Amino acid sequence: MLKITVIQESQGDVLIKLEGKITEQWAALLDGECRAYLRQQKSVFLDCSHVDYIDGRGVEVLNAFPHSHVTLMSAPALMTELLHIGGRS
């Protein structure tokens, strides 16, 4: 399960806390949530400190976001490594 919580939102950006697992089942939900904010021209900050698992589809979704508008914060080391291997630097 992936819990997505908007912590703070302003005119130009949004901070979202992610908790749980970013798996194929939940990756589409995360993608939709983030893209909705991107369509509003907002920068998205994802607090990943409570993500305890990410699968291949989760890596694909996160790597597909525009790096200039989506920032990952406090990602666990394993998640960072998987994202790096998958193409996000």
N, C-alpha and C. Protein backbone atom coordinates (compact mmCIF):
# COMPACT_ATOMS: atom_id res chain seq x y z
N MET A 1 0.83 -1.17 0.00
CA MET A 1 0.00 0.00 0.00
C MET A 1 0.88 1.24 0.00
N LEU A 2 0.43 2.28 -0.67
CA LEU A 2 1.12 3.56 -0.70
C LEU A 2 0.18 4.64 -0.21
N LYS A 3 0.61 5.34 0.83
CA LYS A 3 -0.15 6.47 1.34
C LYS A 3 0.46 7.74 0.79
N ILE A 4 -0.38 8.59 0.18
CA ILE A 4 0.06 9.84 -0.42
C ILE A 4 -0.63 10.97 0.33
N THR A 5 0.15 11.82 1.00
CA THR A 5 -0.40 12.89 1.81
C THR A 5 0.18 14.23 1.39
N VAL A 6 -0.68 15.18 1.06
CA VAL A 6 -0.22 16.54 0.77
C VAL A 6 0.06 17.22 2.11
N ILE A 7 1.31 17.59 2.31
CA ILE A 7 1.74 18.21 3.57
C ILE A 7 1.59 19.72 3.48
N GLN A 8 1.98 20.27 2.34
CA GLN A 8 1.93 21.72 2.18
C GLN A 8 1.73 22.03 0.70
N GLU A 9 0.91 23.01 0.41
CA GLU A 9 0.68 23.41 -0.97
C GLU A 9 0.61 24.93 -1.04
N SER A 10 1.30 25.48 -2.02
CA SER A 10 1.25 26.92 -2.26
C SER A 10 0.92 27.14 -3.73
N GLN A 11 0.97 28.38 -4.14
CA GLN A 11 0.65 28.70 -5.53
C GLN A 11 1.64 28.05 -6.50
N GLY A 12 2.90 27.92 -6.07
CA GLY A 12 3.92 27.44 -6.99
C GLY A 12 4.45 26.04 -6.75
N ASP A 13 4.15 25.46 -5.59
CA ASP A 13 4.69 24.12 -5.34
C ASP A 13 3.83 23.35 -4.35
N VAL A 14 4.17 22.06 -4.26
CA VAL A 14 3.44 21.18 -3.34
C VAL A 14 4.44 20.18 -2.74
N LEU A 15 4.29 19.93 -1.45
CA LEU A 15 5.10 18.93 -0.74
C LEU A 15 4.19 17.75 -0.44
N ILE A 16 4.61 16.58 -0.92
CA ILE A 16 3.83 15.36 -0.75
C ILE A 16 4.66 14.33 0.00
N LYS A 17 4.08 13.77 1.04
CA LYS A 17 4.74 12.71 1.82
C LYS A 17 4.26 11.36 1.31
N LEU A 18 5.21 10.49 1.00
CA LEU A 18 4.90 9.13 0.56
C LEU A 18 5.25 8.16 1.68
N GLU A 19 4.34 7.21 1.94
CA GLU A 19 4.58 6.21 2.97
C GLU A 19 4.18 4.84 2.45
N GLY A 20 5.08 3.88 2.58
CA GLY A 20 4.76 2.51 2.18
C GLY A 20 5.54 2.05 0.97
N LYS A 21 4.84 1.38 0.08
CA LYS A 21 5.47 0.72 -1.06
C LYS A 21 5.01 1.35 -2.38
N ILE A 22 6.00 1.68 -3.23
CA ILE A 22 5.69 2.16 -4.57
C ILE A 22 5.82 0.96 -5.50
N THR A 23 4.71 0.28 -5.72
CA THR A 23 4.68 -0.91 -6.56
C THR A 23 3.82 -0.65 -7.78
N GLU A 24 3.80 -1.61 -8.69
CA GLU A 24 3.02 -1.47 -9.91
C GLU A 24 1.57 -1.09 -9.59
N GLN A 25 1.04 -1.68 -8.56
CA GLN A 25 -0.35 -1.43 -8.16
C GLN A 25 -0.59 0.04 -7.81
N TRP A 26 0.38 0.71 -7.21
CA TRP A 26 0.21 2.07 -6.71
C TRP A 26 0.93 3.11 -7.55
N ALA A 27 1.80 2.70 -8.45
CA ALA A 27 2.59 3.64 -9.25
C ALA A 27 1.70 4.53 -10.12
N ALA A 28 0.65 3.97 -10.68
CA ALA A 28 -0.25 4.76 -11.54
C ALA A 28 -0.94 5.86 -10.72
N LEU A 29 -1.32 5.56 -9.49
CA LEU A 29 -1.94 6.56 -8.62
C LEU A 29 -0.96 7.69 -8.34
N LEU A 30 0.27 7.35 -8.01
CA LEU A 30 1.30 8.37 -7.75
C LEU A 30 1.54 9.20 -9.01
N ASP A 31 1.62 8.55 -10.15
CA ASP A 31 1.83 9.25 -11.42
C ASP A 31 0.70 10.26 -11.66
N GLY A 32 -0.53 9.83 -11.47
CA GLY A 32 -1.68 10.71 -11.67
C GLY A 32 -1.68 11.90 -10.74
N GLU A 33 -1.37 11.66 -9.47
CA GLU A 33 -1.34 12.74 -8.49
C GLU A 33 -0.28 13.79 -8.85
N CYS A 34 0.91 13.32 -9.16
CA CYS A 34 2.00 14.25 -9.48
C CYS A 34 1.73 15.00 -10.78
N ARG A 35 1.25 14.30 -11.78
CA ARG A 35 0.99 14.96 -13.07
C ARG A 35 -0.13 15.99 -12.97
N ALA A 36 -1.08 15.79 -12.07
CA ALA A 36 -2.13 16.78 -11.86
C ALA A 36 -1.52 18.10 -11.36
N TYR A 37 -0.56 18.00 -10.45
CA TYR A 37 0.11 19.21 -9.96
C TYR A 37 1.01 19.82 -11.03
N LEU A 38 1.68 18.98 -11.81
CA LEU A 38 2.53 19.49 -12.88
C LEU A 38 1.70 20.25 -13.92
N ARG A 39 0.50 19.76 -14.21
CA ARG A 39 -0.39 20.47 -15.15
C ARG A 39 -0.78 21.84 -14.62
N GLN A 40 -0.77 22.00 -13.32
CA GLN A 40 -1.07 23.29 -12.69
C GLN A 40 0.19 24.17 -12.60
N GLN A 41 1.26 23.72 -13.25
CA GLN A 41 2.54 24.45 -13.27
C GLN A 41 3.17 24.54 -11.88
N LYS A 42 2.97 23.51 -11.06
CA LYS A 42 3.56 23.49 -9.72
C LYS A 42 4.79 22.59 -9.71
N SER A 43 5.75 22.97 -8.92
CA SER A 43 6.88 22.09 -8.63
C SER A 43 6.43 21.11 -7.56
N VAL A 44 6.84 19.85 -7.70
CA VAL A 44 6.43 18.80 -6.77
C VAL A 44 7.65 18.33 -5.99
N PHE A 45 7.52 18.32 -4.68
CA PHE A 45 8.56 17.80 -3.79
C PHE A 45 8.00 16.56 -3.11
N LEU A 46 8.68 15.43 -3.31
CA LEU A 46 8.22 14.16 -2.75
C LEU A 46 9.11 13.76 -1.58
N ASP A 47 8.53 13.75 -0.38
CA ASP A 47 9.24 13.28 0.80
C ASP A 47 9.15 11.76 0.79
N CYS A 48 10.27 11.12 0.52
CA CYS A 48 10.32 9.66 0.37
C CYS A 48 10.89 8.97 1.60
N SER A 49 11.02 9.69 2.70
CA SER A 49 11.68 9.13 3.88
C SER A 49 10.96 7.93 4.47
N HIS A 50 9.68 7.75 4.16
CA HIS A 50 8.93 6.62 4.70
C HIS A 50 8.56 5.60 3.63
N VAL A 51 9.26 5.62 2.51
CA VAL A 51 9.07 4.60 1.47
C VAL A 51 9.95 3.42 1.85
N ASP A 52 9.34 2.25 1.99
CA ASP A 52 10.14 1.09 2.41
C ASP A 52 10.34 0.06 1.30
N TYR A 53 9.76 0.32 0.12
CA TYR A 53 9.96 -0.61 -1.00
C TYR A 53 9.58 0.09 -2.30
N ILE A 54 10.31 -0.21 -3.35
CA ILE A 54 9.97 0.29 -4.68
C ILE A 54 10.30 -0.80 -5.68
N ASP A 55 9.36 -1.06 -6.59
CA ASP A 55 9.62 -2.09 -7.60
C ASP A 55 9.98 -1.42 -8.93
N GLY A 56 10.15 -2.21 -9.96
CA GLY A 56 10.56 -1.70 -11.27
C GLY A 56 9.61 -0.67 -11.84
N ARG A 57 8.32 -0.90 -11.69
CA ARG A 57 7.33 0.06 -12.21
C ARG A 57 7.40 1.37 -11.43
N GLY A 58 7.61 1.29 -10.14
CA GLY A 58 7.77 2.50 -9.34
C GLY A 58 8.98 3.31 -9.79
N VAL A 59 10.08 2.63 -10.07
CA VAL A 59 11.29 3.28 -10.58
C VAL A 59 10.98 3.96 -11.91
N GLU A 60 10.28 3.27 -12.80
CA GLU A 60 9.93 3.85 -14.10
C GLU A 60 9.11 5.13 -13.95
N VAL A 61 8.12 5.09 -13.09
CA VAL A 61 7.25 6.26 -12.89
C VAL A 61 8.05 7.44 -12.36
N LEU A 62 8.85 7.22 -11.32
CA LEU A 62 9.62 8.32 -10.75
C LEU A 62 10.64 8.86 -11.74
N ASN A 63 11.26 7.98 -12.51
CA ASN A 63 12.25 8.42 -13.49
C ASN A 63 11.62 9.15 -14.67
N ALA A 64 10.34 8.95 -14.91
CA ALA A 64 9.67 9.60 -16.04
C ALA A 64 9.27 11.05 -15.73
N PHE A 65 9.24 11.43 -14.46
CA PHE A 65 8.89 12.80 -14.11
C PHE A 65 10.01 13.74 -14.56
N PRO A 66 9.65 14.96 -14.98
CA PRO A 66 10.69 15.93 -15.35
C PRO A 66 11.52 16.32 -14.12
N HIS A 67 12.82 16.09 -14.22
CA HIS A 67 13.70 16.31 -13.07
C HIS A 67 13.71 17.76 -12.62
N SER A 68 13.41 18.67 -13.52
CA SER A 68 13.41 20.09 -13.16
C SER A 68 12.17 20.50 -12.36
N HIS A 69 11.14 19.65 -12.33
CA HIS A 69 9.90 20.02 -11.64
C HIS A 69 9.49 19.05 -10.53
N VAL A 70 10.17 17.91 -10.43
CA VAL A 70 9.87 16.94 -9.38
C VAL A 70 11.16 16.62 -8.63
N THR A 71 11.15 16.89 -7.34
CA THR A 71 12.34 16.67 -6.51
C THR A 71 12.03 15.60 -5.47
N LEU A 72 12.92 14.62 -5.39
CA LEU A 72 12.79 13.57 -4.37
C LEU A 72 13.61 13.99 -3.16
N MET A 73 12.98 13.89 -1.99
CA MET A 73 13.64 14.29 -0.75
C MET A 73 13.73 13.11 0.20
N SER A 74 14.86 13.00 0.87
CA SER A 74 15.06 12.01 1.94
C SER A 74 14.77 10.58 1.49
N ALA A 75 15.13 10.26 0.27
CA ALA A 75 14.91 8.90 -0.22
C ALA A 75 15.90 7.94 0.45
N PRO A 76 15.42 6.77 0.88
CA PRO A 76 16.33 5.76 1.45
C PRO A 76 17.41 5.38 0.44
N ALA A 77 18.55 4.94 0.95
CA ALA A 77 19.71 4.63 0.11
C ALA A 77 19.38 3.62 -0.99
N LEU A 78 18.65 2.57 -0.66
CA LEU A 78 18.33 1.56 -1.66
C LEU A 78 17.46 2.15 -2.77
N MET A 79 16.52 2.97 -2.40
CA MET A 79 15.66 3.61 -3.39
C MET A 79 16.48 4.52 -4.30
N THR A 80 17.38 5.29 -3.71
CA THR A 80 18.24 6.18 -4.49
C THR A 80 19.07 5.38 -5.47
N GLU A 81 19.62 4.27 -5.03
CA GLU A 81 20.44 3.43 -5.90
C GLU A 81 19.61 2.86 -7.05
N LEU A 82 18.42 2.36 -6.75
CA LEU A 82 17.56 1.81 -7.81
C LEU A 82 17.16 2.87 -8.82
N LEU A 83 16.89 4.07 -8.35
CA LEU A 83 16.55 5.17 -9.26
C LEU A 83 17.74 5.55 -10.12
N HIS A 84 18.92 5.55 -9.52
CA HIS A 84 20.13 5.88 -10.27
C HIS A 84 20.40 4.83 -11.36
N ILE A 85 20.27 3.58 -10.99
CA ILE A 85 20.46 2.49 -11.96
C ILE A 85 19.43 2.61 -13.08
N GLY A 86 18.22 3.03 -12.70
CA GLY A 86 17.13 3.17 -13.67
C GLY A 86 17.18 4.44 -14.49
N GLY A 87 18.15 5.33 -14.22
CA GLY A 87 18.32 6.49 -15.06
C GLY A 87 18.19 7.85 -14.41
N ARG A 88 17.69 7.93 -13.20
CA ARG A 88 17.57 9.25 -12.55
C ARG A 88 18.84 9.53 -11.78
N SER A 89 19.44 10.67 -12.05
CA SER A 89 20.68 11.00 -11.36
C SER A 89 20.46 12.02 -10.29
